Amino acid sequence: MPYIRTIADLFAKSPFKPLHEHTLKVKECVDGLKPMVDAYLKGNFRDAEKLADAVIKLEADADQIKVNIRQNLPHGVFMPIERSDLLVFLHEQDEIADHAEDVALLLQLRKTKVPEELKVNLIKFVDTVIGAVDKLEVASSEFKDLIETSFGKKELDNAWKLLEEVNRKEGEADQLKVALMRRLFKIEDRFDPVTLFYMMELINRTDGIANHAEDAAGTLRTMLARK
C-alpha cells in the first residue's frame, strides 16, 4: 500500500494523532530553552551555544513533521474535525517552535552580561512561557483521546478546563513581561542602544511562544465548539 494512502488512513481513523506528534516535538524544542537560558545568565556562553544548537535541531525536526503532515493530509476523506482547523493548529504550533528557535539564535549572536536585578524575573518569565506550552501539550493529548473515543460531557468539561489553563499561563507570562520591561527601563541608562534593543527583542520573542500557545489553544477551542 502506498505511503500516502497509509497516512490518509491514519488521518481518517485518528486525525489528531500526527498533530499531537508535532505537539510533542514542539514541546521538546521549547523545553530546551530552560537549560540554555540558565547557562547564558550564568555567563556560560559556550554551553549556552551548544544548548541553542540542540533547540535549533529540534525546531528542524518539528518542521519536518509539519511538512509531512501538510503533504499527506488527505482531501476528500471524512474526518471528525475540519481540515482547515487542523492546518491552523499546525501553523500556530509551528510559530511556537519558530519563536523558540529565534530565542536560541539570539543567544548565539551576542554575549551579553545580564544584570543581576533582571535575572530572577527573566527566569520566572521563561518558566511561565514554558508552562504555557506544557499545558497546551496536555490539552492536545486530551483532545486526541476525545477524537479517538467520544465527546462525553465529563471529558469535554475537562478539555475546556485544560484550555483555560493555557490562557491563564499566557496571561501570567504577559504580566511578567510587563514587570520585566519595567525593570529593564529603570536601568536602561546602563545599556548602550544595541544592548537595550537586544534585551527587548529577546523578551518579545520569548513572549511570542506563549502568545502562539494561546492561539493554538484557541483553535482547539474552536474544534470543541463545533462538536
N, C-alpha and C. Protein backbone atom coordinates (compact mmCIF):
# COMPACT_ATOMS: atom_id res chain seq x y z
N MET A 1 0.85 -1.19 0.00
CA MET A 1 0.00 0.00 0.00
C MET A 1 0.88 1.24 0.00
N PRO A 2 0.61 2.21 -0.86
CA PRO A 2 1.44 3.42 -0.91
C PRO A 2 1.45 4.14 0.42
N TYR A 3 2.58 4.82 0.70
CA TYR A 3 2.74 5.53 1.97
C TYR A 3 1.66 6.58 2.17
N ILE A 4 1.33 7.32 1.09
CA ILE A 4 0.35 8.39 1.23
C ILE A 4 -1.02 7.84 1.63
N ARG A 5 -1.35 6.63 1.15
CA ARG A 5 -2.63 6.03 1.50
C ARG A 5 -2.62 5.63 2.98
N THR A 6 -1.46 5.17 3.44
CA THR A 6 -1.34 4.81 4.85
C THR A 6 -1.58 6.03 5.73
N ILE A 7 -1.00 7.16 5.36
CA ILE A 7 -1.21 8.40 6.10
C ILE A 7 -2.67 8.81 6.04
N ALA A 8 -3.29 8.68 4.88
CA ALA A 8 -4.70 9.03 4.75
C ALA A 8 -5.56 8.19 5.69
N ASP A 9 -5.25 6.90 5.74
CA ASP A 9 -5.98 6.02 6.65
C ASP A 9 -5.78 6.44 8.09
N LEU A 10 -4.56 6.84 8.42
CA LEU A 10 -4.27 7.27 9.78
C LEU A 10 -5.09 8.49 10.14
N PHE A 11 -5.15 9.46 9.23
CA PHE A 11 -5.93 10.66 9.49
C PHE A 11 -7.42 10.35 9.59
N ALA A 12 -7.89 9.42 8.77
CA ALA A 12 -9.30 9.06 8.81
C ALA A 12 -9.66 8.42 10.15
N LYS A 13 -8.75 7.63 10.69
CA LYS A 13 -9.01 6.95 11.97
C LYS A 13 -8.72 7.86 13.16
N SER A 14 -7.65 8.60 13.09
CA SER A 14 -7.22 9.44 14.21
C SER A 14 -6.57 10.71 13.66
N PRO A 15 -7.38 11.68 13.24
CA PRO A 15 -6.84 12.86 12.57
C PRO A 15 -5.94 13.72 13.44
N PHE A 16 -6.01 13.55 14.74
CA PHE A 16 -5.22 14.40 15.61
C PHE A 16 -3.91 13.74 16.06
N LYS A 17 -3.75 12.46 15.79
CA LYS A 17 -2.55 11.77 16.26
C LYS A 17 -1.27 12.34 15.64
N PRO A 18 -1.20 12.53 14.31
CA PRO A 18 0.03 13.12 13.74
C PRO A 18 0.28 14.53 14.27
N LEU A 19 -0.78 15.31 14.51
CA LEU A 19 -0.62 16.65 15.03
C LEU A 19 -0.09 16.63 16.46
N HIS A 20 -0.52 15.64 17.23
CA HIS A 20 -0.02 15.56 18.60
C HIS A 20 1.46 15.15 18.60
N GLU A 21 1.87 14.36 17.63
CA GLU A 21 3.29 14.05 17.48
C GLU A 21 4.08 15.35 17.28
N HIS A 22 3.51 16.24 16.48
CA HIS A 22 4.13 17.54 16.25
C HIS A 22 4.14 18.35 17.55
N THR A 23 3.05 18.30 18.31
CA THR A 23 2.98 19.00 19.60
C THR A 23 4.11 18.55 20.52
N LEU A 24 4.35 17.26 20.58
CA LEU A 24 5.39 16.73 21.46
C LEU A 24 6.77 17.22 21.05
N LYS A 25 7.01 17.29 19.74
CA LYS A 25 8.32 17.76 19.27
C LYS A 25 8.48 19.26 19.54
N VAL A 26 7.41 20.01 19.36
CA VAL A 26 7.45 21.44 19.66
C VAL A 26 7.71 21.66 21.15
N LYS A 27 7.06 20.88 21.99
CA LYS A 27 7.27 20.98 23.44
C LYS A 27 8.72 20.67 23.79
N GLU A 28 9.28 19.65 23.16
CA GLU A 28 10.67 19.29 23.40
C GLU A 28 11.59 20.46 23.02
N CYS A 29 11.27 21.12 21.93
CA CYS A 29 12.03 22.27 21.48
C CYS A 29 11.98 23.40 22.51
N VAL A 30 10.78 23.71 23.00
CA VAL A 30 10.60 24.78 23.97
C VAL A 30 11.24 24.42 25.31
N ASP A 31 11.13 23.18 25.72
CA ASP A 31 11.75 22.75 26.98
C ASP A 31 13.26 23.00 26.98
N GLY A 32 13.86 22.97 25.79
CA GLY A 32 15.29 23.19 25.68
C GLY A 32 15.72 24.61 26.00
N LEU A 33 14.75 25.53 26.08
CA LEU A 33 15.09 26.92 26.39
C LEU A 33 15.58 27.07 27.83
N LYS A 34 15.03 26.28 28.74
CA LYS A 34 15.34 26.44 30.16
C LYS A 34 16.84 26.28 30.44
N PRO A 35 17.45 25.13 30.12
CA PRO A 35 18.89 25.00 30.39
C PRO A 35 19.74 25.99 29.59
N MET A 36 19.29 26.33 28.40
CA MET A 36 20.02 27.27 27.56
C MET A 36 20.06 28.67 28.19
N VAL A 37 18.91 29.16 28.64
CA VAL A 37 18.84 30.47 29.28
C VAL A 37 19.61 30.47 30.60
N ASP A 38 19.47 29.39 31.36
CA ASP A 38 20.20 29.30 32.64
C ASP A 38 21.71 29.42 32.41
N ALA A 39 22.21 28.70 31.42
CA ALA A 39 23.65 28.76 31.12
C ALA A 39 24.06 30.16 30.67
N TYR A 40 23.24 30.78 29.87
CA TYR A 40 23.54 32.13 29.37
C TYR A 40 23.60 33.14 30.51
N LEU A 41 22.63 33.08 31.43
CA LEU A 41 22.59 34.02 32.54
C LEU A 41 23.77 33.85 33.48
N LYS A 42 24.30 32.63 33.54
CA LYS A 42 25.47 32.37 34.38
C LYS A 42 26.78 32.76 33.69
N GLY A 43 26.65 33.19 32.43
CA GLY A 43 27.84 33.57 31.68
C GLY A 43 28.56 32.41 31.04
N ASN A 44 27.92 31.23 31.05
CA ASN A 44 28.50 30.05 30.39
C ASN A 44 28.09 30.05 28.91
N PHE A 45 28.65 30.98 28.16
CA PHE A 45 28.20 31.22 26.79
C PHE A 45 28.48 30.04 25.86
N ARG A 46 29.57 29.33 26.10
CA ARG A 46 29.87 28.17 25.25
C ARG A 46 28.82 27.08 25.45
N ASP A 47 28.46 26.81 26.70
CA ASP A 47 27.41 25.82 26.98
C ASP A 47 26.07 26.28 26.40
N ALA A 48 25.78 27.57 26.55
CA ALA A 48 24.53 28.11 26.04
C ALA A 48 24.44 27.94 24.52
N GLU A 49 25.58 28.13 23.85
CA GLU A 49 25.60 27.99 22.39
C GLU A 49 25.33 26.55 21.96
N LYS A 50 25.91 25.60 22.69
CA LYS A 50 25.66 24.18 22.38
C LYS A 50 24.20 23.81 22.62
N LEU A 51 23.65 24.32 23.71
CA LEU A 51 22.24 24.05 24.02
C LEU A 51 21.33 24.72 23.00
N ALA A 52 21.75 25.88 22.50
CA ALA A 52 20.98 26.55 21.45
C ALA A 52 20.98 25.73 20.17
N ASP A 53 22.12 25.11 19.85
CA ASP A 53 22.20 24.23 18.68
C ASP A 53 21.17 23.10 18.79
N ALA A 54 21.01 22.57 20.01
CA ALA A 54 20.05 21.48 20.22
C ALA A 54 18.62 21.97 19.98
N VAL A 55 18.31 23.18 20.44
CA VAL A 55 16.98 23.75 20.22
C VAL A 55 16.73 23.95 18.73
N ILE A 56 17.73 24.46 18.03
CA ILE A 56 17.60 24.68 16.58
C ILE A 56 17.39 23.36 15.84
N LYS A 57 18.08 22.31 16.29
CA LYS A 57 17.90 20.99 15.67
C LYS A 57 16.49 20.47 15.92
N LEU A 58 15.98 20.66 17.12
CA LEU A 58 14.63 20.20 17.44
C LEU A 58 13.58 20.96 16.63
N GLU A 59 13.83 22.24 16.39
CA GLU A 59 12.91 23.02 15.55
C GLU A 59 12.90 22.47 14.13
N ALA A 60 14.07 22.08 13.63
CA ALA A 60 14.14 21.48 12.29
C ALA A 60 13.38 20.16 12.24
N ASP A 61 13.48 19.38 13.31
CA ASP A 61 12.74 18.12 13.39
C ASP A 61 11.23 18.38 13.37
N ALA A 62 10.81 19.40 14.13
CA ALA A 62 9.39 19.77 14.16
C ALA A 62 8.93 20.23 12.78
N ASP A 63 9.80 20.97 12.08
CA ASP A 63 9.49 21.42 10.72
C ASP A 63 9.25 20.25 9.78
N GLN A 64 10.07 19.20 9.91
CA GLN A 64 9.93 18.04 9.05
C GLN A 64 8.60 17.33 9.30
N ILE A 65 8.21 17.22 10.56
CA ILE A 65 6.90 16.63 10.87
C ILE A 65 5.79 17.48 10.27
N LYS A 66 5.93 18.80 10.38
CA LYS A 66 4.94 19.72 9.82
C LYS A 66 4.80 19.51 8.31
N VAL A 67 5.93 19.43 7.62
CA VAL A 67 5.92 19.24 6.16
C VAL A 67 5.24 17.92 5.81
N ASN A 68 5.56 16.85 6.53
CA ASN A 68 4.95 15.55 6.26
C ASN A 68 3.43 15.60 6.43
N ILE A 69 2.98 16.30 7.47
CA ILE A 69 1.54 16.41 7.70
C ILE A 69 0.88 17.18 6.57
N ARG A 70 1.46 18.31 6.20
CA ARG A 70 0.86 19.13 5.13
C ARG A 70 0.82 18.40 3.80
N GLN A 71 1.88 17.65 3.52
CA GLN A 71 1.94 16.95 2.23
C GLN A 71 0.99 15.77 2.16
N ASN A 72 0.70 15.17 3.31
CA ASN A 72 -0.07 13.93 3.31
C ASN A 72 -1.47 14.07 3.90
N LEU A 73 -1.83 15.28 4.32
CA LEU A 73 -3.19 15.48 4.82
C LEU A 73 -4.16 15.27 3.66
N PRO A 74 -5.02 14.27 3.76
CA PRO A 74 -5.85 13.88 2.60
C PRO A 74 -6.98 14.86 2.32
N HIS A 75 -7.35 14.94 1.05
CA HIS A 75 -8.54 15.65 0.62
C HIS A 75 -9.64 14.61 0.40
N GLY A 76 -10.86 15.00 0.62
CA GLY A 76 -11.98 14.12 0.29
C GLY A 76 -12.12 12.92 1.19
N VAL A 77 -11.45 12.93 2.36
CA VAL A 77 -11.59 11.84 3.32
C VAL A 77 -12.36 12.37 4.51
N PHE A 78 -13.41 11.67 4.91
CA PHE A 78 -14.21 12.14 6.04
C PHE A 78 -13.37 12.10 7.31
N MET A 79 -13.37 13.23 8.03
CA MET A 79 -12.69 13.30 9.31
C MET A 79 -13.62 13.96 10.31
N PRO A 80 -13.50 13.61 11.59
CA PRO A 80 -14.40 14.18 12.59
C PRO A 80 -14.10 15.63 12.94
N ILE A 81 -13.02 16.20 12.42
CA ILE A 81 -12.73 17.62 12.61
C ILE A 81 -12.36 18.24 11.27
N GLU A 82 -12.52 19.56 11.17
CA GLU A 82 -12.32 20.26 9.92
C GLU A 82 -10.83 20.27 9.51
N ARG A 83 -10.61 20.06 8.23
CA ARG A 83 -9.24 20.09 7.71
C ARG A 83 -8.60 21.46 7.95
N SER A 84 -9.38 22.52 7.75
CA SER A 84 -8.85 23.87 7.94
C SER A 84 -8.42 24.11 9.39
N ASP A 85 -9.17 23.54 10.34
CA ASP A 85 -8.81 23.68 11.75
C ASP A 85 -7.49 22.98 12.05
N LEU A 86 -7.30 21.82 11.45
CA LEU A 86 -6.05 21.09 11.63
C LEU A 86 -4.86 21.93 11.15
N LEU A 87 -5.04 22.57 10.00
CA LEU A 87 -3.94 23.36 9.42
C LEU A 87 -3.65 24.61 10.24
N VAL A 88 -4.69 25.24 10.78
CA VAL A 88 -4.48 26.41 11.63
C VAL A 88 -3.73 26.01 12.90
N PHE A 89 -4.15 24.90 13.50
CA PHE A 89 -3.48 24.42 14.71
C PHE A 89 -2.01 24.11 14.42
N LEU A 90 -1.76 23.47 13.29
CA LEU A 90 -0.39 23.15 12.88
C LEU A 90 0.43 24.42 12.71
N HIS A 91 -0.17 25.44 12.11
CA HIS A 91 0.53 26.71 11.90
C HIS A 91 0.91 27.36 13.23
N GLU A 92 -0.02 27.37 14.17
CA GLU A 92 0.26 28.01 15.46
C GLU A 92 1.37 27.26 16.22
N GLN A 93 1.35 25.95 16.13
CA GLN A 93 2.43 25.19 16.77
C GLN A 93 3.76 25.44 16.07
N ASP A 94 3.72 25.59 14.78
CA ASP A 94 4.94 25.90 14.03
C ASP A 94 5.51 27.25 14.48
N GLU A 95 4.64 28.21 14.75
CA GLU A 95 5.07 29.52 15.24
C GLU A 95 5.73 29.41 16.62
N ILE A 96 5.22 28.52 17.46
CA ILE A 96 5.84 28.30 18.78
C ILE A 96 7.29 27.85 18.61
N ALA A 97 7.48 26.84 17.77
CA ALA A 97 8.84 26.33 17.53
C ALA A 97 9.73 27.38 16.88
N ASP A 98 9.17 28.16 15.96
CA ASP A 98 9.94 29.21 15.28
C ASP A 98 10.43 30.26 16.28
N HIS A 99 9.57 30.64 17.21
CA HIS A 99 9.96 31.63 18.20
C HIS A 99 11.03 31.06 19.16
N ALA A 100 10.90 29.79 19.49
CA ALA A 100 11.93 29.16 20.33
C ALA A 100 13.27 29.16 19.60
N GLU A 101 13.24 28.88 18.31
CA GLU A 101 14.47 28.93 17.51
C GLU A 101 15.03 30.34 17.48
N ASP A 102 14.16 31.34 17.35
CA ASP A 102 14.61 32.73 17.33
C ASP A 102 15.35 33.09 18.62
N VAL A 103 14.81 32.64 19.76
CA VAL A 103 15.46 32.90 21.04
C VAL A 103 16.84 32.25 21.06
N ALA A 104 16.91 31.00 20.58
CA ALA A 104 18.19 30.29 20.55
C ALA A 104 19.20 31.02 19.66
N LEU A 105 18.76 31.48 18.51
CA LEU A 105 19.65 32.20 17.59
C LEU A 105 20.12 33.52 18.20
N LEU A 106 19.22 34.22 18.90
CA LEU A 106 19.60 35.48 19.54
C LEU A 106 20.70 35.25 20.58
N LEU A 107 20.55 34.18 21.36
CA LEU A 107 21.55 33.91 22.40
C LEU A 107 22.89 33.48 21.81
N GLN A 108 22.87 32.98 20.58
CA GLN A 108 24.12 32.63 19.92
C GLN A 108 24.82 33.84 19.31
N LEU A 109 24.04 34.88 19.02
CA LEU A 109 24.58 36.03 18.30
C LEU A 109 25.42 36.95 19.18
N ARG A 110 25.08 37.00 20.48
CA ARG A 110 25.69 38.05 21.30
C ARG A 110 25.95 37.54 22.72
N LYS A 111 27.10 37.85 23.23
CA LYS A 111 27.43 37.50 24.62
C LYS A 111 27.18 38.74 25.47
N THR A 112 26.02 38.78 26.10
CA THR A 112 25.61 39.94 26.88
C THR A 112 25.52 39.58 28.36
N LYS A 113 26.15 40.36 29.18
CA LYS A 113 26.08 40.15 30.63
C LYS A 113 24.76 40.74 31.13
N VAL A 114 23.88 39.88 31.59
CA VAL A 114 22.57 40.32 32.07
C VAL A 114 22.68 40.76 33.53
N PRO A 115 22.22 41.97 33.87
CA PRO A 115 22.30 42.45 35.25
C PRO A 115 21.58 41.53 36.23
N GLU A 116 22.10 41.44 37.42
CA GLU A 116 21.55 40.56 38.45
C GLU A 116 20.08 40.87 38.73
N GLU A 117 19.72 42.16 38.73
CA GLU A 117 18.34 42.54 39.07
C GLU A 117 17.32 42.13 38.01
N LEU A 118 17.79 41.65 36.87
CA LEU A 118 16.87 41.16 35.83
C LEU A 118 16.77 39.63 35.81
N LYS A 119 17.75 38.96 36.38
CA LYS A 119 17.86 37.51 36.21
C LYS A 119 16.67 36.75 36.81
N VAL A 120 16.28 37.08 38.04
CA VAL A 120 15.19 36.36 38.70
C VAL A 120 13.90 36.50 37.91
N ASN A 121 13.61 37.73 37.47
CA ASN A 121 12.40 37.97 36.69
C ASN A 121 12.44 37.26 35.34
N LEU A 122 13.62 37.25 34.74
CA LEU A 122 13.76 36.61 33.43
C LEU A 122 13.56 35.10 33.54
N ILE A 123 14.13 34.49 34.57
CA ILE A 123 13.98 33.05 34.77
C ILE A 123 12.51 32.69 35.01
N LYS A 124 11.84 33.47 35.85
CA LYS A 124 10.42 33.22 36.12
C LYS A 124 9.58 33.39 34.87
N PHE A 125 9.93 34.38 34.08
CA PHE A 125 9.24 34.64 32.82
C PHE A 125 9.39 33.45 31.87
N VAL A 126 10.61 32.97 31.69
CA VAL A 126 10.86 31.83 30.80
C VAL A 126 10.13 30.58 31.31
N ASP A 127 10.17 30.34 32.62
CA ASP A 127 9.47 29.18 33.20
C ASP A 127 7.98 29.23 32.91
N THR A 128 7.39 30.41 33.01
CA THR A 128 5.95 30.57 32.78
C THR A 128 5.60 30.35 31.31
N VAL A 129 6.44 30.86 30.43
CA VAL A 129 6.23 30.65 28.99
C VAL A 129 6.29 29.16 28.66
N ILE A 130 7.28 28.47 29.21
CA ILE A 130 7.39 27.02 29.00
C ILE A 130 6.16 26.32 29.57
N GLY A 131 5.68 26.82 30.72
CA GLY A 131 4.49 26.24 31.34
C GLY A 131 3.26 26.33 30.45
N ALA A 132 3.14 27.40 29.68
CA ALA A 132 2.01 27.54 28.76
C ALA A 132 2.03 26.44 27.70
N VAL A 133 3.23 26.14 27.19
CA VAL A 133 3.36 25.08 26.18
C VAL A 133 3.12 23.71 26.82
N ASP A 134 3.56 23.54 28.07
CA ASP A 134 3.29 22.28 28.78
C ASP A 134 1.78 22.04 28.87
N LYS A 135 1.04 23.09 29.24
CA LYS A 135 -0.42 22.97 29.36
C LYS A 135 -1.06 22.69 28.00
N LEU A 136 -0.50 23.28 26.95
CA LEU A 136 -1.02 23.03 25.61
C LEU A 136 -0.84 21.57 25.24
N GLU A 137 0.31 21.00 25.57
CA GLU A 137 0.55 19.59 25.24
C GLU A 137 -0.45 18.69 25.95
N VAL A 138 -0.75 18.98 27.22
CA VAL A 138 -1.73 18.18 27.97
C VAL A 138 -3.10 18.30 27.32
N ALA A 139 -3.47 19.53 26.94
CA ALA A 139 -4.77 19.74 26.28
C ALA A 139 -4.83 19.03 24.94
N SER A 140 -3.72 19.07 24.19
CA SER A 140 -3.65 18.39 22.90
C SER A 140 -3.81 16.88 23.07
N SER A 141 -3.15 16.33 24.09
CA SER A 141 -3.26 14.89 24.35
C SER A 141 -4.69 14.51 24.72
N GLU A 142 -5.33 15.35 25.54
CA GLU A 142 -6.72 15.10 25.93
C GLU A 142 -7.63 15.15 24.71
N PHE A 143 -7.39 16.14 23.83
CA PHE A 143 -8.20 16.29 22.64
C PHE A 143 -8.02 15.09 21.71
N LYS A 144 -6.79 14.62 21.58
CA LYS A 144 -6.53 13.44 20.75
C LYS A 144 -7.33 12.24 21.26
N ASP A 145 -7.35 12.06 22.58
CA ASP A 145 -8.11 10.94 23.16
C ASP A 145 -9.61 11.10 22.90
N LEU A 146 -10.10 12.34 22.97
CA LEU A 146 -11.52 12.58 22.71
C LEU A 146 -11.88 12.24 21.27
N ILE A 147 -11.01 12.65 20.35
CA ILE A 147 -11.25 12.36 18.93
C ILE A 147 -11.31 10.86 18.69
N GLU A 148 -10.43 10.12 19.39
CA GLU A 148 -10.34 8.68 19.16
C GLU A 148 -11.45 7.90 19.85
N THR A 149 -12.13 8.53 20.80
CA THR A 149 -13.21 7.84 21.52
C THR A 149 -14.54 8.54 21.27
N SER A 150 -14.92 9.41 22.20
CA SER A 150 -16.17 10.14 22.05
C SER A 150 -16.10 11.43 22.84
N PHE A 151 -17.06 12.31 22.60
CA PHE A 151 -17.09 13.59 23.28
C PHE A 151 -18.14 13.57 24.38
N GLY A 152 -17.86 12.85 25.48
CA GLY A 152 -18.77 12.84 26.62
C GLY A 152 -18.67 14.15 27.38
N LYS A 153 -19.72 14.48 28.15
CA LYS A 153 -19.77 15.76 28.84
C LYS A 153 -18.61 15.92 29.82
N LYS A 154 -18.31 14.89 30.59
CA LYS A 154 -17.24 14.97 31.58
C LYS A 154 -15.90 15.23 30.90
N GLU A 155 -15.65 14.51 29.80
CA GLU A 155 -14.39 14.66 29.08
C GLU A 155 -14.30 16.04 28.43
N LEU A 156 -15.44 16.51 27.89
CA LEU A 156 -15.45 17.84 27.28
C LEU A 156 -15.18 18.93 28.31
N ASP A 157 -15.79 18.80 29.48
CA ASP A 157 -15.59 19.79 30.55
C ASP A 157 -14.11 19.83 30.96
N ASN A 158 -13.50 18.67 31.02
CA ASN A 158 -12.08 18.61 31.39
C ASN A 158 -11.21 19.27 30.31
N ALA A 159 -11.58 19.05 29.05
CA ALA A 159 -10.83 19.65 27.94
C ALA A 159 -10.92 21.18 27.99
N TRP A 160 -12.12 21.69 28.27
CA TRP A 160 -12.29 23.14 28.39
C TRP A 160 -11.39 23.71 29.50
N LYS A 161 -11.35 23.02 30.63
CA LYS A 161 -10.54 23.47 31.76
C LYS A 161 -9.06 23.50 31.40
N LEU A 162 -8.62 22.49 30.66
CA LEU A 162 -7.21 22.44 30.25
C LEU A 162 -6.86 23.61 29.33
N LEU A 163 -7.79 23.95 28.44
CA LEU A 163 -7.56 25.08 27.54
C LEU A 163 -7.51 26.40 28.30
N GLU A 164 -8.33 26.50 29.33
CA GLU A 164 -8.29 27.69 30.17
C GLU A 164 -6.95 27.82 30.89
N GLU A 165 -6.35 26.68 31.22
CA GLU A 165 -5.05 26.69 31.87
C GLU A 165 -3.98 27.29 30.95
N VAL A 166 -4.08 27.00 29.66
CA VAL A 166 -3.15 27.59 28.70
C VAL A 166 -3.32 29.11 28.70
N ASN A 167 -4.57 29.57 28.66
CA ASN A 167 -4.83 31.00 28.66
C ASN A 167 -4.32 31.66 29.94
N ARG A 168 -4.49 30.97 31.06
CA ARG A 168 -4.04 31.52 32.34
C ARG A 168 -2.52 31.69 32.34
N LYS A 169 -1.82 30.68 31.85
CA LYS A 169 -0.36 30.76 31.79
C LYS A 169 0.10 31.88 30.85
N GLU A 170 -0.60 32.04 29.75
CA GLU A 170 -0.23 33.10 28.81
C GLU A 170 -0.45 34.46 29.47
N GLY A 171 -1.54 34.60 30.23
CA GLY A 171 -1.79 35.84 30.94
C GLY A 171 -0.71 36.14 31.97
N GLU A 172 -0.27 35.10 32.69
CA GLU A 172 0.82 35.27 33.66
C GLU A 172 2.11 35.71 32.94
N ALA A 173 2.35 35.11 31.79
CA ALA A 173 3.55 35.47 31.02
C ALA A 173 3.50 36.94 30.60
N ASP A 174 2.33 37.41 30.20
CA ASP A 174 2.19 38.81 29.81
C ASP A 174 2.49 39.74 30.99
N GLN A 175 1.98 39.39 32.16
CA GLN A 175 2.23 40.21 33.35
C GLN A 175 3.71 40.24 33.70
N LEU A 176 4.34 39.08 33.61
CA LEU A 176 5.78 39.01 33.91
C LEU A 176 6.60 39.77 32.87
N LYS A 177 6.15 39.75 31.64
CA LYS A 177 6.83 40.51 30.59
C LYS A 177 6.80 42.00 30.91
N VAL A 178 5.62 42.50 31.30
CA VAL A 178 5.49 43.91 31.64
C VAL A 178 6.40 44.27 32.81
N ALA A 179 6.40 43.43 33.84
CA ALA A 179 7.26 43.68 35.01
C ALA A 179 8.73 43.67 34.62
N LEU A 180 9.09 42.75 33.73
CA LEU A 180 10.48 42.65 33.28
C LEU A 180 10.89 43.87 32.47
N MET A 181 10.00 44.31 31.59
CA MET A 181 10.27 45.50 30.78
C MET A 181 10.44 46.73 31.67
N ARG A 182 9.61 46.85 32.69
CA ARG A 182 9.71 47.99 33.60
C ARG A 182 11.07 48.00 34.31
N ARG A 183 11.50 46.84 34.76
CA ARG A 183 12.81 46.75 35.41
C ARG A 183 13.93 47.12 34.43
N LEU A 184 13.77 46.64 33.20
CA LEU A 184 14.77 46.93 32.17
C LEU A 184 14.89 48.43 31.92
N PHE A 185 13.74 49.11 31.81
CA PHE A 185 13.77 50.53 31.51
C PHE A 185 14.24 51.37 32.69
N LYS A 186 14.10 50.83 33.89
CA LYS A 186 14.60 51.55 35.06
C LYS A 186 16.13 51.66 35.06
N ILE A 187 16.76 50.69 34.41
CA ILE A 187 18.23 50.70 34.37
C ILE A 187 18.74 50.85 32.93
N GLU A 188 17.91 51.42 32.08
CA GLU A 188 18.27 51.50 30.65
C GLU A 188 19.51 52.34 30.41
N ASP A 189 19.82 53.28 31.33
CA ASP A 189 20.99 54.12 31.14
C ASP A 189 22.30 53.33 31.28
N ARG A 190 22.19 52.09 31.77
CA ARG A 190 23.37 51.25 31.90
C ARG A 190 23.67 50.46 30.62
N PHE A 191 22.77 50.57 29.65
CA PHE A 191 22.94 49.83 28.40
C PHE A 191 23.21 50.78 27.25
N ASP A 192 23.99 50.30 26.30
CA ASP A 192 24.07 51.02 25.03
C ASP A 192 22.81 50.68 24.24
N PRO A 193 22.44 51.47 23.22
CA PRO A 193 21.19 51.25 22.48
C PRO A 193 21.07 49.85 21.88
N VAL A 194 22.16 49.31 21.38
CA VAL A 194 22.11 47.98 20.77
C VAL A 194 21.77 46.91 21.81
N THR A 195 22.40 47.01 22.98
CA THR A 195 22.14 46.03 24.04
C THR A 195 20.70 46.14 24.53
N LEU A 196 20.21 47.37 24.67
CA LEU A 196 18.82 47.56 25.10
C LEU A 196 17.86 46.95 24.09
N PHE A 197 18.11 47.19 22.80
CA PHE A 197 17.26 46.59 21.76
C PHE A 197 17.35 45.07 21.80
N TYR A 198 18.55 44.57 21.99
CA TYR A 198 18.77 43.12 22.05
C TYR A 198 17.95 42.49 23.17
N MET A 199 17.97 43.10 24.37
CA MET A 199 17.23 42.57 25.50
C MET A 199 15.72 42.62 25.25
N MET A 200 15.26 43.71 24.64
CA MET A 200 13.83 43.83 24.33
C MET A 200 13.40 42.77 23.33
N GLU A 201 14.23 42.54 22.33
CA GLU A 201 13.91 41.53 21.31
C GLU A 201 13.88 40.14 21.92
N LEU A 202 14.81 39.87 22.81
CA LEU A 202 14.85 38.57 23.49
C LEU A 202 13.57 38.35 24.30
N ILE A 203 13.14 39.35 25.00
CA ILE A 203 11.91 39.25 25.81
C ILE A 203 10.69 39.08 24.90
N ASN A 204 10.61 39.87 23.84
CA ASN A 204 9.45 39.81 22.94
C ASN A 204 9.35 38.47 22.23
N ARG A 205 10.49 37.94 21.79
CA ARG A 205 10.47 36.64 21.09
C ARG A 205 10.05 35.52 22.05
N THR A 206 10.51 35.62 23.29
CA THR A 206 10.11 34.62 24.28
C THR A 206 8.62 34.71 24.56
N ASP A 207 8.11 35.92 24.68
CA ASP A 207 6.68 36.12 24.93
C ASP A 207 5.84 35.59 23.77
N GLY A 208 6.38 35.67 22.55
CA GLY A 208 5.65 35.16 21.39
C GLY A 208 5.34 33.68 21.48
N ILE A 209 6.17 32.93 22.19
CA ILE A 209 5.92 31.50 22.39
C ILE A 209 4.61 31.28 23.12
N ALA A 210 4.43 32.02 24.21
CA ALA A 210 3.19 31.90 25.00
C ALA A 210 1.99 32.40 24.20
N ASN A 211 2.18 33.47 23.43
CA ASN A 211 1.08 34.01 22.63
C ASN A 211 0.57 32.98 21.63
N HIS A 212 1.49 32.30 20.97
CA HIS A 212 1.07 31.31 19.97
C HIS A 212 0.54 30.03 20.63
N ALA A 213 0.99 29.74 21.85
CA ALA A 213 0.39 28.63 22.59
C ALA A 213 -1.08 28.94 22.87
N GLU A 214 -1.36 30.19 23.24
CA GLU A 214 -2.74 30.59 23.47
C GLU A 214 -3.56 30.51 22.18
N ASP A 215 -2.96 30.93 21.07
CA ASP A 215 -3.66 30.86 19.78
C ASP A 215 -3.94 29.41 19.38
N ALA A 216 -2.98 28.53 19.64
CA ALA A 216 -3.20 27.11 19.35
C ALA A 216 -4.33 26.56 20.21
N ALA A 217 -4.35 26.96 21.48
CA ALA A 217 -5.43 26.54 22.37
C ALA A 217 -6.77 27.07 21.87
N GLY A 218 -6.76 28.29 21.32
CA GLY A 218 -7.98 28.85 20.76
C GLY A 218 -8.51 28.02 19.59
N THR A 219 -7.60 27.47 18.80
CA THR A 219 -8.02 26.61 17.68
C THR A 219 -8.63 25.31 18.21
N LEU A 220 -8.05 24.76 19.26
CA LEU A 220 -8.64 23.58 19.88
C LEU A 220 -10.04 23.90 20.41
N ARG A 221 -10.17 25.10 20.96
CA ARG A 221 -11.48 25.52 21.49
C ARG A 221 -12.50 25.58 20.35
N THR A 222 -12.07 26.09 19.19
CA THR A 222 -12.96 26.14 18.03
C THR A 222 -13.39 24.74 17.62
N MET A 223 -12.45 23.80 17.62
CA MET A 223 -12.78 22.41 17.26
C MET A 223 -13.80 21.82 18.23
N LEU A 224 -13.61 22.09 19.52
CA LEU A 224 -14.55 21.58 20.50
C LEU A 224 -15.93 22.21 20.32
N ALA A 225 -15.96 23.50 20.01
CA ALA A 225 -17.23 24.20 19.87
C ALA A 225 -18.05 23.69 18.67
N ARG A 226 -17.35 23.10 17.70
CA ARG A 226 -18.05 22.57 16.53
C ARG A 226 -18.75 21.25 16.83
N LYS A 227 -18.40 20.62 17.98
CA LYS A 227 -18.94 19.30 18.29
C LYS A 227 -20.30 19.40 18.96
